[in-house]
Amino acid sequence: MKAFLLTLAALVLLSQVTSGSAEKCWNLRGSCREKCIKNEKLYIFCTSGKLCCLKPKFQPTYSLWPD
């Protein structure tokens, strides 16, 4: 019984640990943050109201004239 309770406690603690921002955006290529880090740019807003921060290589490019 002690082993079961110890395992249950460990699983509860591990489920609370998150690495940075768990919320993703823009086809899982961006991260929802309060403030974008140095090499990221704001593209859209997340559903939570935070900024969707993308690295420049993942930002879509639009041209006015189709090829």
PDB file of N, CA and C in Angstrom:
ATOM      1  N   MET A   1       0.818  -1.193   0.000  1.00  0.00           N
ATOM      2  CA  MET A   1       0.000   0.000   0.000  1.00  0.00           C
ATOM      3  C   MET A   1       0.865   1.261   0.000  1.00  0.00           C
ATOM      4  N   LYS A   2       1.990   1.206   0.734  1.00  0.00           N
ATOM      5  CA  LYS A   2       2.886   2.357   0.770  1.00  0.00           C
ATOM      6  C   LYS A   2       3.483   2.616  -0.612  1.00  0.00           C
ATOM      7  N   ALA A   3       3.813   1.541  -1.318  1.00  0.00           N
ATOM      8  CA  ALA A   3       4.392   1.706  -2.656  1.00  0.00           C
ATOM      9  C   ALA A   3       3.377   2.344  -3.600  1.00  0.00           C
ATOM     10  N   PHE A   4       2.117   1.962  -3.478  1.00  0.00           N
ATOM     11  CA  PHE A   4       1.066   2.542  -4.311  1.00  0.00           C
ATOM     12  C   PHE A   4       0.914   4.036  -4.036  1.00  0.00           C
ATOM     13  N   LEU A   5       0.874   4.421  -2.768  1.00  0.00           N
ATOM     14  CA  LEU A   5       0.731   5.831  -2.415  1.00  0.00           C
ATOM     15  C   LEU A   5       1.951   6.641  -2.852  1.00  0.00           C
ATOM     16  N   LEU A   6       3.139   6.062  -2.730  1.00  0.00           N
ATOM     17  CA  LEU A   6       4.347   6.742  -3.159  1.00  0.00           C
ATOM     18  C   LEU A   6       4.338   6.946  -4.682  1.00  0.00           C
ATOM     19  N   THR A   7       3.919   5.926  -5.409  1.00  0.00           N
ATOM     20  CA  THR A   7       3.827   6.039  -6.868  1.00  0.00           C
ATOM     21  C   THR A   7       2.784   7.071  -7.261  1.00  0.00           C
ATOM     22  N   LEU A   8       1.654   7.062  -6.613  1.00  0.00           N
ATOM     23  CA  LEU A   8       0.603   8.034  -6.903  1.00  0.00           C
ATOM     24  C   LEU A   8       1.076   9.462  -6.632  1.00  0.00           C
ATOM     25  N   ALA A   9       1.777   9.667  -5.529  1.00  0.00           N
ATOM     26  CA  ALA A   9       2.296  10.991  -5.196  1.00  0.00           C
ATOM     27  C   ALA A   9       3.322  11.451  -6.233  1.00  0.00           C
ATOM     28  N   ALA A  10       4.179  10.535  -6.672  1.00  0.00           N
ATOM     29  CA  ALA A  10       5.184  10.879  -7.679  1.00  0.00           C
ATOM     30  C   ALA A  10       4.522  11.262  -8.998  1.00  0.00           C
ATOM     31  N   LEU A  11       3.480  10.537  -9.392  1.00  0.00           N
ATOM     32  CA  LEU A  11       2.787  10.858 -10.640  1.00  0.00           C
ATOM     33  C   LEU A  11       2.084  12.208 -10.575  1.00  0.00           C
ATOM     34  N   VAL A  12       1.518  12.524  -9.442  1.00  0.00           N
ATOM     35  CA  VAL A  12       0.850  13.823  -9.272  1.00  0.00           C
ATOM     36  C   VAL A  12       1.879  14.942  -9.361  1.00  0.00           C
ATOM     37  N   LEU A  13       3.021  14.777  -8.721  1.00  0.00           N
ATOM     38  CA  LEU A  13       4.061  15.800  -8.772  1.00  0.00           C
ATOM     39  C   LEU A  13       4.609  15.961 -10.189  1.00  0.00           C
ATOM     40  N   LEU A  14       4.825  14.876 -10.892  1.00  0.00           N
ATOM     41  CA  LEU A  14       5.354  14.943 -12.246  1.00  0.00           C
ATOM     42  C   LEU A  14       4.355  15.564 -13.218  1.00  0.00           C
ATOM     43  N   SER A  15       3.085  15.376 -12.970  1.00  0.00           N
ATOM     44  CA  SER A  15       2.089  15.962 -13.870  1.00  0.00           C
ATOM     45  C   SER A  15       2.012  17.476 -13.721  1.00  0.00           C
ATOM     46  N   GLN A  16       2.482  18.014 -12.602  1.00  0.00           N
ATOM     47  CA  GLN A  16       2.451  19.453 -12.371  1.00  0.00           C
ATOM     48  C   GLN A  16       3.633  20.172 -13.008  1.00  0.00           C
ATOM     49  N   VAL A  17       4.674  19.440 -13.368  1.00  0.00           N
ATOM     50  CA  VAL A  17       5.877  20.032 -13.934  1.00  0.00           C
ATOM     51  C   VAL A  17       5.640  20.308 -15.411  1.00  0.00           C
ATOM     52  N   THR A  18       5.828  21.562 -15.828  1.00  0.00           N
ATOM     53  CA  THR A  18       5.729  21.918 -17.237  1.00  0.00           C
ATOM     54  C   THR A  18       7.006  22.625 -17.644  1.00  0.00           C
ATOM     55  N   SER A  19       7.415  22.418 -18.866  1.00  0.00           N
ATOM     56  CA  SER A  19       8.636  23.048 -19.340  1.00  0.00           C
ATOM     57  C   SER A  19       8.288  24.311 -20.120  1.00  0.00           C
ATOM     58  N   GLY A  20       8.525  25.453 -19.533  1.00  0.00           N
ATOM     59  CA  GLY A  20       8.278  26.717 -20.213  1.00  0.00           C
ATOM     60  C   GLY A  20       6.815  26.905 -20.533  1.00  0.00           C
ATOM     61  N   SER A  21       6.551  27.195 -21.786  1.00  0.00           N
ATOM     62  CA  SER A  21       5.182  27.420 -22.227  1.00  0.00           C
ATOM     63  C   SER A  21       4.644  26.159 -22.880  1.00  0.00           C
ATOM     64  N   ALA A  22       3.613  25.574 -22.298  1.00  0.00           N
ATOM     65  CA  ALA A  22       3.052  24.351 -22.844  1.00  0.00           C
ATOM     66  C   ALA A  22       2.073  24.632 -23.973  1.00  0.00           C
ATOM     67  N   GLU A  23       1.553  25.849 -24.047  1.00  0.00           N
ATOM     68  CA  GLU A  23       0.562  26.179 -25.065  1.00  0.00           C
ATOM     69  C   GLU A  23       1.260  26.496 -26.379  1.00  0.00           C
ATOM     70  N   LYS A  24       0.859  25.808 -27.435  1.00  0.00           N
ATOM     71  CA  LYS A  24       1.457  25.990 -28.750  1.00  0.00           C
ATOM     72  C   LYS A  24       0.482  26.704 -29.673  1.00  0.00           C
ATOM     73  N   CYS A  25       1.015  27.287 -30.730  1.00  0.00           N
ATOM     74  CA  CYS A  25       0.194  27.997 -31.700  1.00  0.00           C
ATOM     75  C   CYS A  25       0.814  27.856 -33.087  1.00  0.00           C
ATOM     76  N   TRP A  26       0.093  28.337 -34.071  1.00  0.00           N
ATOM     77  CA  TRP A  26       0.534  28.364 -35.463  1.00  0.00           C
ATOM     78  C   TRP A  26       1.098  27.014 -35.913  1.00  0.00           C
ATOM     79  N   ASN A  27       0.216  26.027 -35.975  1.00  0.00           N
ATOM     80  CA  ASN A  27       0.575  24.677 -36.416  1.00  0.00           C
ATOM     81  C   ASN A  27       1.709  24.069 -35.592  1.00  0.00           C
ATOM     82  N   LEU A  28       1.691  24.333 -34.304  1.00  0.00           N
ATOM     83  CA  LEU A  28       2.672  23.819 -33.341  1.00  0.00           C
ATOM     84  C   LEU A  28       4.082  24.332 -33.587  1.00  0.00           C
ATOM     85  N   ARG A  29       4.225  25.407 -34.349  1.00  0.00           N
ATOM     86  CA  ARG A  29       5.546  25.974 -34.618  1.00  0.00           C
ATOM     87  C   ARG A  29       5.855  27.172 -33.738  1.00  0.00           C
ATOM     88  N   GLY A  30       4.845  27.703 -33.073  1.00  0.00           N
ATOM     89  CA  GLY A  30       5.039  28.859 -32.205  1.00  0.00           C
ATOM     90  C   GLY A  30       4.708  28.534 -30.765  1.00  0.00           C
ATOM     91  N   SER A  31       5.073  29.449 -29.882  1.00  0.00           N
ATOM     92  CA  SER A  31       4.793  29.285 -28.462  1.00  0.00           C
ATOM     93  C   SER A  31       4.035  30.499 -27.950  1.00  0.00           C
ATOM     94  N   CYS A  32       3.048  30.242 -27.119  1.00  0.00           N
ATOM     95  CA  CYS A  32       2.264  31.326 -26.518  1.00  0.00           C
ATOM     96  C   CYS A  32       3.016  31.836 -25.295  1.00  0.00           C
ATOM     97  N   ARG A  33       3.336  33.125 -25.305  1.00  0.00           N
ATOM     98  CA  ARG A  33       4.104  33.719 -24.221  1.00  0.00           C
ATOM     99  C   ARG A  33       3.555  35.100 -23.887  1.00  0.00           C
ATOM    100  N   GLU A  34       3.935  35.589 -22.712  1.00  0.00           N
ATOM    101  CA  GLU A  34       3.610  36.960 -22.330  1.00  0.00           C
ATOM    102  C   GLU A  34       4.470  37.938 -23.121  1.00  0.00           C
ATOM    103  N   LYS A  35       5.708  37.555 -23.417  1.00  0.00           N
ATOM    104  CA  LYS A  35       6.639  38.401 -24.152  1.00  0.00           C
ATOM    105  C   LYS A  35       7.533  37.496 -25.005  1.00  0.00           C
ATOM    106  N   CYS A  36       7.721  37.857 -26.265  1.00  0.00           N
ATOM    107  CA  CYS A  36       8.558  37.055 -27.151  1.00  0.00           C
ATOM    108  C   CYS A  36      10.026  37.221 -26.768  1.00  0.00           C
ATOM    109  N   ILE A  37      10.797  36.147 -26.964  1.00  0.00           N
ATOM    110  CA  ILE A  37      12.222  36.220 -26.657  1.00  0.00           C
ATOM    111  C   ILE A  37      12.969  36.884 -27.818  1.00  0.00           C
ATOM    112  N   LYS A  38      14.254  37.031 -27.671  1.00  0.00           N
ATOM    113  CA  LYS A  38      15.080  37.865 -28.545  1.00  0.00           C
ATOM    114  C   LYS A  38      14.908  37.580 -30.038  1.00  0.00           C
ATOM    115  N   ASN A  39      14.978  36.336 -30.452  1.00  0.00           N
ATOM    116  CA  ASN A  39      14.960  36.046 -31.888  1.00  0.00           C
ATOM    117  C   ASN A  39      13.572  35.683 -32.416  1.00  0.00           C
ATOM    118  N   GLU A  40      12.526  35.897 -31.639  1.00  0.00           N
ATOM    119  CA  GLU A  40      11.167  35.579 -32.075  1.00  0.00           C
ATOM    120  C   GLU A  40      10.393  36.850 -32.402  1.00  0.00           C
ATOM    121  N   LYS A  41       9.344  36.683 -33.206  1.00  0.00           N
ATOM    122  CA  LYS A  41       8.489  37.810 -33.569  1.00  0.00           C
ATOM    123  C   LYS A  41       7.033  37.437 -33.340  1.00  0.00           C
ATOM    124  N   LEU A  42       6.259  38.441 -32.992  1.00  0.00           N
ATOM    125  CA  LEU A  42       4.819  38.266 -32.810  1.00  0.00           C
ATOM    126  C   LEU A  42       4.174  38.141 -34.180  1.00  0.00           C
ATOM    127  N   TYR A  43       3.310  37.141 -34.335  1.00  0.00           N
ATOM    128  CA  TYR A  43       2.585  37.017 -35.601  1.00  0.00           C
ATOM    129  C   TYR A  43       1.080  37.135 -35.383  1.00  0.00           C
ATOM    130  N   ILE A  44       0.547  36.371 -34.458  1.00  0.00           N
ATOM    131  CA  ILE A  44      -0.874  36.413 -34.126  1.00  0.00           C
ATOM    132  C   ILE A  44      -1.013  36.326 -32.614  1.00  0.00           C
ATOM    133  N   PHE A  45      -2.243  36.358 -32.131  1.00  0.00           N
ATOM    134  CA  PHE A  45      -2.501  36.168 -30.702  1.00  0.00           C
ATOM    135  C   PHE A  45      -3.047  34.770 -30.469  1.00  0.00           C
ATOM    136  N   CYS A  46      -2.714  34.194 -29.338  1.00  0.00           N
ATOM    137  CA  CYS A  46      -3.224  32.886 -28.943  1.00  0.00           C
ATOM    138  C   CYS A  46      -4.646  33.042 -28.410  1.00  0.00           C
ATOM    139  N   THR A  47      -5.342  31.927 -28.274  1.00  0.00           N
ATOM    140  CA  THR A  47      -6.712  31.966 -27.761  1.00  0.00           C
ATOM    141  C   THR A  47      -6.748  32.437 -26.304  1.00  0.00           C
ATOM    142  N   SER A  48      -5.630  32.275 -25.597  1.00  0.00           N
ATOM    143  CA  SER A  48      -5.559  32.712 -24.206  1.00  0.00           C
ATOM    144  C   SER A  48      -5.273  34.206 -24.086  1.00  0.00           C
ATOM    145  N   GLY A  49      -5.022  34.876 -25.209  1.00  0.00           N
ATOM    146  CA  GLY A  49      -4.709  36.296 -25.187  1.00  0.00           C
ATOM    147  C   GLY A  49      -3.220  36.581 -25.151  1.00  0.00           C
ATOM    148  N   LYS A  50      -2.403  35.543 -25.037  1.00  0.00           N
ATOM    149  CA  LYS A  50      -0.955  35.732 -25.041  1.00  0.00           C
ATOM    150  C   LYS A  50      -0.466  35.914 -26.475  1.00  0.00           C
ATOM    151  N   LEU A  51       0.799  36.256 -26.613  1.00  0.00           N
ATOM    152  CA  LEU A  51       1.398  36.445 -27.924  1.00  0.00           C
ATOM    153  C   LEU A  51       1.826  35.109 -28.514  1.00  0.00           C
ATOM    154  N   CYS A  52       1.573  34.905 -29.794  1.00  0.00           N
ATOM    155  CA  CYS A  52       2.071  33.719 -30.481  1.00  0.00           C
ATOM    156  C   CYS A  52       3.420  34.097 -31.074  1.00  0.00           C
ATOM    157  N   CYS A  53       4.483  33.639 -30.462  1.00  0.00           N
ATOM    158  CA  CYS A  53       5.841  34.007 -30.858  1.00  0.00           C
ATOM    159  C   CYS A  53       6.414  32.959 -31.790  1.00  0.00           C
ATOM    160  N   LEU A  54       6.860  33.426 -32.959  1.00  0.00           N
ATOM    161  CA  LEU A  54       7.417  32.540 -33.982  1.00  0.00           C
ATOM    162  C   LEU A  54       8.836  32.954 -34.319  1.00  0.00           C
ATOM    163  N   LYS A  55       9.657  31.968 -34.638  1.00  0.00           N
ATOM    164  CA  LYS A  55      10.962  32.275 -35.197  1.00  0.00           C
ATOM    165  C   LYS A  55      10.741  32.761 -36.624  1.00  0.00           C
ATOM    166  N   PRO A  56      11.570  33.667 -37.107  1.00  0.00           N
ATOM    167  CA  PRO A  56      11.351  34.237 -38.443  1.00  0.00           C
ATOM    168  C   PRO A  56      11.232  33.200 -39.557  1.00  0.00           C
ATOM    169  N   LYS A  57      11.910  32.078 -39.460  1.00  0.00           N
ATOM    170  CA  LYS A  57      11.841  31.079 -40.538  1.00  0.00           C
ATOM    171  C   LYS A  57      10.481  30.395 -40.622  1.00  0.00           C
ATOM    172  N   PHE A  58       9.672  30.471 -39.567  1.00  0.00           N
ATOM    173  CA  PHE A  58       8.355  29.846 -39.580  1.00  0.00           C
ATOM    174  C   PHE A  58       7.230  30.816 -39.932  1.00  0.00           C
ATOM    175  N   GLN A  59       7.537  32.093 -40.055  1.00  0.00           N
ATOM    176  CA  GLN A  59       6.494  33.062 -40.393  1.00  0.00           C
ATOM    177  C   GLN A  59       6.158  32.957 -41.873  1.00  0.00           C
ATOM    178  N   PRO A  60       4.876  32.949 -42.182  1.00  0.00           N
ATOM    179  CA  PRO A  60       4.495  32.848 -43.597  1.00  0.00           C
ATOM    180  C   PRO A  60       4.822  34.140 -44.340  1.00  0.00           C
ATOM    181  N   THR A  61       5.107  33.986 -45.608  1.00  0.00           N
ATOM    182  CA  THR A  61       5.358  35.159 -46.451  1.00  0.00           C
ATOM    183  C   THR A  61       4.248  35.239 -47.479  1.00  0.00           C
ATOM    184  N   TYR A  62       3.770  36.418 -47.699  1.00  0.00           N
ATOM    185  CA  TYR A  62       2.703  36.652 -48.664  1.00  0.00           C
ATOM    186  C   TYR A  62       3.225  37.572 -49.751  1.00  0.00           C
ATOM    187  N   SER A  63       2.851  37.273 -50.966  1.00  0.00           N
ATOM    188  CA  SER A  63       3.188  38.191 -52.048  1.00  0.00           C
ATOM    189  C   SER A  63       1.894  38.770 -52.606  1.00  0.00           C
ATOM    190  N   LEU A  64       1.973  39.994 -53.089  1.00  0.00           N
ATOM    191  CA  LEU A  64       0.793  40.632 -53.641  1.00  0.00           C
ATOM    192  C   LEU A  64       0.399  40.030 -54.986  1.00  0.00           C
ATOM    193  N   TRP A  65       1.370  39.538 -55.699  1.00  0.00           N
ATOM    194  CA  TRP A  65       1.120  38.983 -57.033  1.00  0.00           C
ATOM    195  C   TRP A  65       1.434  37.495 -57.034  1.00  0.00           C
ATOM    196  N   PRO A  66       0.463  36.648 -57.312  1.00  0.00           N
ATOM    197  CA  PRO A  66       0.731  35.201 -57.346  1.00  0.00           C
ATOM    198  C   PRO A  66       1.673  34.857 -58.501  1.00  0.00           C
ATOM    199  N   ASP A  67       2.441  33.830 -58.291  1.00  0.00           N
ATOM    200  CA  ASP A  67       3.381  33.384 -59.335  1.00  0.00           C
ATOM    201  C   ASP A  67       2.689  32.625 -60.434  1.00  0.00           C
TER     202      ASP A  67
END
